[in-house]
């Protein structure tokens, strides 16, 4: 799964919309996603900060209601892994006003 996720991240650098279209199909509402999928979302966000912004509402809208259902420690760790995607946002260039 890590190799496939890394490949999707590299493809997402150039074809983000197509990659996200396919990944969002694997992310149905009402069921916790596979840990590899959450890691891939986080890695894509770190690799393409501004490109991921349009997809955040659909990802978070599906994921946030399910957070309370994450019982396994491995899934809790996976969900925390997404926090690493926030780091580039702190260092992104500011747009002029």
N, C-alpha and C. Protein backbone atom coordinates (compact mmCIF):
# COMPACT_ATOMS: atom_id res chain seq x y z
N UNK A 1 0.82 -1.20 0.00
CA UNK A 1 0.00 0.00 0.00
C UNK A 1 0.85 1.26 0.00
N UNK A 2 2.01 1.20 0.65
CA UNK A 2 2.86 2.39 0.69
C UNK A 2 3.40 2.72 -0.69
N UNK A 3 3.79 1.71 -1.45
CA UNK A 3 4.31 1.95 -2.79
C UNK A 3 3.22 2.50 -3.70
N UNK A 4 2.02 1.96 -3.59
CA UNK A 4 0.90 2.46 -4.40
C UNK A 4 0.56 3.90 -4.01
N UNK A 5 0.59 4.19 -2.71
CA UNK A 5 0.32 5.55 -2.25
C UNK A 5 1.38 6.53 -2.76
N UNK A 6 2.63 6.11 -2.74
CA UNK A 6 3.72 6.96 -3.23
C UNK A 6 3.57 7.22 -4.73
N UNK A 7 3.15 6.20 -5.46
CA UNK A 7 2.92 6.37 -6.89
C UNK A 7 1.78 7.36 -7.14
N UNK A 8 0.70 7.24 -6.37
CA UNK A 8 -0.42 8.16 -6.52
C UNK A 8 -0.03 9.60 -6.17
N UNK A 9 0.82 9.76 -5.18
CA UNK A 9 1.29 11.10 -4.82
C UNK A 9 2.09 11.70 -5.97
N UNK A 10 2.97 10.90 -6.57
CA UNK A 10 3.75 11.41 -7.71
C UNK A 10 2.84 11.74 -8.89
N UNK A 11 1.87 10.89 -9.17
CA UNK A 11 0.92 11.19 -10.24
C UNK A 11 0.09 12.44 -9.91
N UNK A 12 -0.24 12.58 -8.62
CA UNK A 12 -1.04 13.71 -8.17
C UNK A 12 -0.32 15.04 -8.29
N UNK A 13 0.98 15.03 -8.36
CA UNK A 13 1.72 16.28 -8.56
C UNK A 13 1.36 16.92 -9.90
N UNK A 14 1.05 16.08 -10.88
CA UNK A 14 0.72 16.60 -12.21
C UNK A 14 -0.76 16.44 -12.56
N UNK A 15 -1.40 15.37 -12.09
CA UNK A 15 -2.78 15.07 -12.44
C UNK A 15 -3.64 14.94 -11.19
N UNK A 16 -3.63 15.95 -10.36
CA UNK A 16 -4.30 15.86 -9.06
C UNK A 16 -5.79 15.59 -9.18
N UNK A 17 -6.47 16.28 -10.08
CA UNK A 17 -7.92 16.10 -10.21
C UNK A 17 -8.27 14.66 -10.57
N UNK A 18 -7.53 14.05 -11.47
CA UNK A 18 -7.82 12.67 -11.87
C UNK A 18 -7.54 11.69 -10.73
N UNK A 19 -6.43 11.91 -10.02
CA UNK A 19 -6.08 11.04 -8.90
C UNK A 19 -7.13 11.16 -7.80
N UNK A 20 -7.53 12.38 -7.48
CA UNK A 20 -8.52 12.58 -6.41
C UNK A 20 -9.88 12.01 -6.80
N UNK A 21 -10.24 12.11 -8.06
CA UNK A 21 -11.50 11.54 -8.53
C UNK A 21 -11.56 10.04 -8.23
N UNK A 22 -10.47 9.36 -8.52
CA UNK A 22 -10.42 7.92 -8.27
C UNK A 22 -10.34 7.60 -6.78
N UNK A 23 -9.56 8.37 -6.03
CA UNK A 23 -9.46 8.11 -4.59
C UNK A 23 -10.77 8.37 -3.87
N UNK A 24 -11.48 9.39 -4.27
CA UNK A 24 -12.76 9.69 -3.61
C UNK A 24 -13.80 8.61 -3.87
N UNK A 25 -13.65 7.88 -4.95
CA UNK A 25 -14.55 6.73 -5.19
C UNK A 25 -14.33 5.63 -4.15
N UNK A 26 -13.12 5.55 -3.63
CA UNK A 26 -12.79 4.54 -2.62
C UNK A 26 -13.10 5.02 -1.21
N UNK A 27 -13.73 6.17 -1.10
CA UNK A 27 -13.96 6.84 0.18
C UNK A 27 -15.46 7.08 0.37
N UNK A 28 -16.23 5.99 0.54
CA UNK A 28 -17.68 6.15 0.64
C UNK A 28 -18.10 6.69 2.01
N UNK A 29 -19.16 7.48 2.05
CA UNK A 29 -19.66 7.98 3.34
C UNK A 29 -20.17 6.82 4.20
N UNK A 30 -19.99 6.93 5.50
CA UNK A 30 -20.53 5.96 6.43
C UNK A 30 -19.61 4.81 6.79
N UNK A 31 -18.44 4.73 6.19
CA UNK A 31 -17.50 3.65 6.51
C UNK A 31 -16.11 4.24 6.66
N UNK A 32 -15.39 3.79 7.67
CA UNK A 32 -14.02 4.27 7.85
C UNK A 32 -13.17 3.85 6.66
N UNK A 33 -12.36 4.74 6.15
CA UNK A 33 -11.52 4.38 5.00
C UNK A 33 -10.36 3.49 5.42
N UNK A 34 -9.75 2.88 4.44
CA UNK A 34 -8.55 2.10 4.69
C UNK A 34 -7.44 3.04 5.16
N UNK A 35 -6.60 2.60 6.09
CA UNK A 35 -5.52 3.48 6.57
C UNK A 35 -4.61 4.00 5.46
N UNK A 36 -4.34 3.19 4.46
CA UNK A 36 -3.50 3.64 3.36
C UNK A 36 -4.10 4.79 2.59
N UNK A 37 -5.42 4.82 2.51
CA UNK A 37 -6.10 5.90 1.81
C UNK A 37 -5.95 7.22 2.56
N UNK A 38 -6.07 7.18 3.88
CA UNK A 38 -5.90 8.38 4.69
C UNK A 38 -4.46 8.88 4.58
N UNK A 39 -3.50 7.96 4.60
CA UNK A 39 -2.09 8.35 4.45
C UNK A 39 -1.84 8.98 3.08
N UNK A 40 -2.47 8.43 2.05
CA UNK A 40 -2.29 8.98 0.71
C UNK A 40 -2.88 10.38 0.62
N UNK A 41 -4.05 10.60 1.23
CA UNK A 41 -4.62 11.95 1.26
C UNK A 41 -3.65 12.92 1.95
N UNK A 42 -3.08 12.51 3.06
CA UNK A 42 -2.16 13.37 3.80
C UNK A 42 -0.90 13.66 2.97
N UNK A 43 -0.37 12.65 2.31
CA UNK A 43 0.82 12.85 1.49
C UNK A 43 0.52 13.72 0.27
N UNK A 44 -0.65 13.54 -0.32
CA UNK A 44 -1.04 14.39 -1.44
C UNK A 44 -1.17 15.84 -0.99
N UNK A 45 -1.74 16.05 0.18
CA UNK A 45 -1.90 17.41 0.70
C UNK A 45 -0.54 18.04 0.99
N UNK A 46 0.39 17.26 1.46
CA UNK A 46 1.73 17.79 1.72
C UNK A 46 2.47 18.10 0.43
N UNK A 47 2.22 17.31 -0.60
CA UNK A 47 2.91 17.49 -1.88
C UNK A 47 2.28 18.59 -2.73
N UNK A 48 0.99 18.83 -2.55
CA UNK A 48 0.27 19.77 -3.40
C UNK A 48 -0.72 20.54 -2.53
N UNK A 49 -0.21 21.44 -1.73
CA UNK A 49 -1.00 22.12 -0.70
C UNK A 49 -2.20 22.84 -1.30
N UNK A 50 -1.96 23.72 -2.24
CA UNK A 50 -3.04 24.54 -2.77
C UNK A 50 -3.96 23.75 -3.68
N UNK A 51 -3.45 22.72 -4.33
CA UNK A 51 -4.29 21.90 -5.20
C UNK A 51 -5.30 21.07 -4.45
N UNK A 52 -5.00 20.75 -3.19
CA UNK A 52 -5.91 19.93 -2.39
C UNK A 52 -7.06 20.72 -1.77
N UNK A 53 -6.96 22.03 -1.75
CA UNK A 53 -7.98 22.85 -1.08
C UNK A 53 -9.39 22.55 -1.59
N UNK A 54 -9.64 22.43 -2.90
CA UNK A 54 -11.01 22.16 -3.35
C UNK A 54 -11.58 20.82 -2.87
N UNK A 55 -10.71 19.90 -2.49
CA UNK A 55 -11.16 18.56 -2.08
C UNK A 55 -11.35 18.44 -0.57
N UNK A 56 -10.91 19.42 0.18
CA UNK A 56 -10.95 19.31 1.64
C UNK A 56 -12.37 19.19 2.18
N UNK A 57 -13.32 19.93 1.62
CA UNK A 57 -14.68 19.86 2.16
C UNK A 57 -15.29 18.48 1.98
N UNK A 58 -15.05 17.83 0.85
CA UNK A 58 -15.60 16.49 0.66
C UNK A 58 -14.90 15.46 1.54
N UNK A 59 -13.58 15.60 1.69
CA UNK A 59 -12.84 14.65 2.54
C UNK A 59 -13.26 14.82 3.99
N UNK A 60 -13.22 16.05 4.48
CA UNK A 60 -13.56 16.28 5.89
C UNK A 60 -15.04 16.03 6.16
N UNK A 61 -15.90 16.35 5.21
CA UNK A 61 -17.33 16.10 5.39
C UNK A 61 -17.65 14.63 5.54
N UNK A 62 -16.86 13.80 4.89
CA UNK A 62 -17.05 12.35 5.00
C UNK A 62 -16.35 11.79 6.23
N UNK A 63 -15.18 12.31 6.55
CA UNK A 63 -14.35 11.75 7.61
C UNK A 63 -14.76 12.19 9.02
N UNK A 64 -15.08 13.44 9.20
CA UNK A 64 -15.34 13.95 10.56
C UNK A 64 -16.46 13.21 11.29
N UNK A 65 -17.60 12.90 10.64
CA UNK A 65 -18.64 12.17 11.38
C UNK A 65 -18.21 10.77 11.82
N UNK A 66 -17.17 10.24 11.22
CA UNK A 66 -16.73 8.87 11.51
C UNK A 66 -15.62 8.80 12.56
N UNK A 67 -15.10 9.93 12.98
CA UNK A 67 -13.97 9.90 13.91
C UNK A 67 -14.29 9.15 15.20
N UNK A 68 -15.49 9.29 15.70
CA UNK A 68 -15.86 8.61 16.95
C UNK A 68 -15.93 7.10 16.78
N UNK A 69 -16.04 6.62 15.55
CA UNK A 69 -16.14 5.17 15.34
C UNK A 69 -14.77 4.50 15.21
N UNK A 70 -13.72 5.26 15.20
CA UNK A 70 -12.37 4.69 15.09
C UNK A 70 -11.99 4.09 16.44
N UNK A 71 -12.07 2.80 16.54
CA UNK A 71 -11.80 2.10 17.79
C UNK A 71 -10.39 1.51 17.86
N UNK A 72 -9.91 1.02 16.73
CA UNK A 72 -8.59 0.38 16.72
C UNK A 72 -7.49 1.43 16.86
N UNK A 73 -6.48 1.11 17.66
CA UNK A 73 -5.37 2.04 17.85
C UNK A 73 -4.68 2.36 16.53
N UNK A 74 -4.59 1.38 15.64
CA UNK A 74 -3.93 1.62 14.36
C UNK A 74 -4.68 2.67 13.54
N UNK A 75 -6.01 2.63 13.60
CA UNK A 75 -6.79 3.62 12.86
C UNK A 75 -6.67 5.00 13.50
N UNK A 76 -6.62 5.06 14.82
CA UNK A 76 -6.44 6.34 15.50
C UNK A 76 -5.10 6.96 15.11
N UNK A 77 -4.07 6.14 15.05
CA UNK A 77 -2.75 6.63 14.63
C UNK A 77 -2.77 7.10 13.19
N UNK A 78 -3.49 6.39 12.35
CA UNK A 78 -3.60 6.77 10.94
C UNK A 78 -4.29 8.12 10.81
N UNK A 79 -5.35 8.33 11.57
CA UNK A 79 -6.06 9.59 11.50
C UNK A 79 -5.20 10.74 12.00
N UNK A 80 -4.35 10.48 12.97
CA UNK A 80 -3.43 11.51 13.45
C UNK A 80 -2.33 11.79 12.44
N UNK A 81 -2.01 10.82 11.62
CA UNK A 81 -0.97 10.96 10.60
C UNK A 81 -1.30 12.13 9.66
N UNK A 82 -2.60 12.36 9.42
CA UNK A 82 -3.02 13.43 8.54
C UNK A 82 -2.59 14.80 9.04
N UNK A 83 -2.26 14.92 10.32
CA UNK A 83 -1.82 16.21 10.86
C UNK A 83 -0.52 16.66 10.23
N UNK A 84 0.26 15.73 9.70
CA UNK A 84 1.51 16.15 9.08
C UNK A 84 1.26 16.95 7.81
N UNK A 85 0.07 16.81 7.23
CA UNK A 85 -0.26 17.58 6.04
C UNK A 85 -0.48 19.05 6.37
N UNK A 86 -0.69 19.37 7.64
CA UNK A 86 -0.91 20.75 8.03
C UNK A 86 0.40 21.54 8.07
N UNK A 87 1.51 20.89 8.21
CA UNK A 87 2.79 21.57 8.37
C UNK A 87 3.12 22.50 7.20
N UNK A 88 2.98 22.08 5.93
CA UNK A 88 3.32 23.00 4.85
C UNK A 88 2.43 24.24 4.82
N UNK A 89 1.21 24.14 5.32
CA UNK A 89 0.32 25.29 5.30
C UNK A 89 0.86 26.42 6.17
N UNK A 90 1.56 26.08 7.23
CA UNK A 90 2.12 27.10 8.12
C UNK A 90 3.24 27.87 7.43
N UNK A 91 3.90 27.24 6.47
CA UNK A 91 5.04 27.85 5.82
C UNK A 91 4.76 28.28 4.39
N UNK A 92 3.50 28.25 3.99
CA UNK A 92 3.18 28.63 2.61
C UNK A 92 3.31 30.14 2.45
N UNK A 93 3.65 30.56 1.23
CA UNK A 93 3.80 32.00 1.02
C UNK A 93 2.47 32.74 1.17
N UNK A 94 2.53 33.93 1.71
CA UNK A 94 1.32 34.71 1.91
C UNK A 94 0.99 35.44 0.61
N UNK A 95 -0.29 35.49 0.31
CA UNK A 95 -0.71 36.18 -0.89
C UNK A 95 -0.82 37.66 -0.58
N UNK A 96 -0.41 38.52 -1.51
CA UNK A 96 -0.49 39.97 -1.24
C UNK A 96 -1.94 40.43 -1.21
N UNK A 97 -2.21 41.44 -0.38
CA UNK A 97 -3.57 41.95 -0.26
C UNK A 97 -3.82 43.08 -1.23
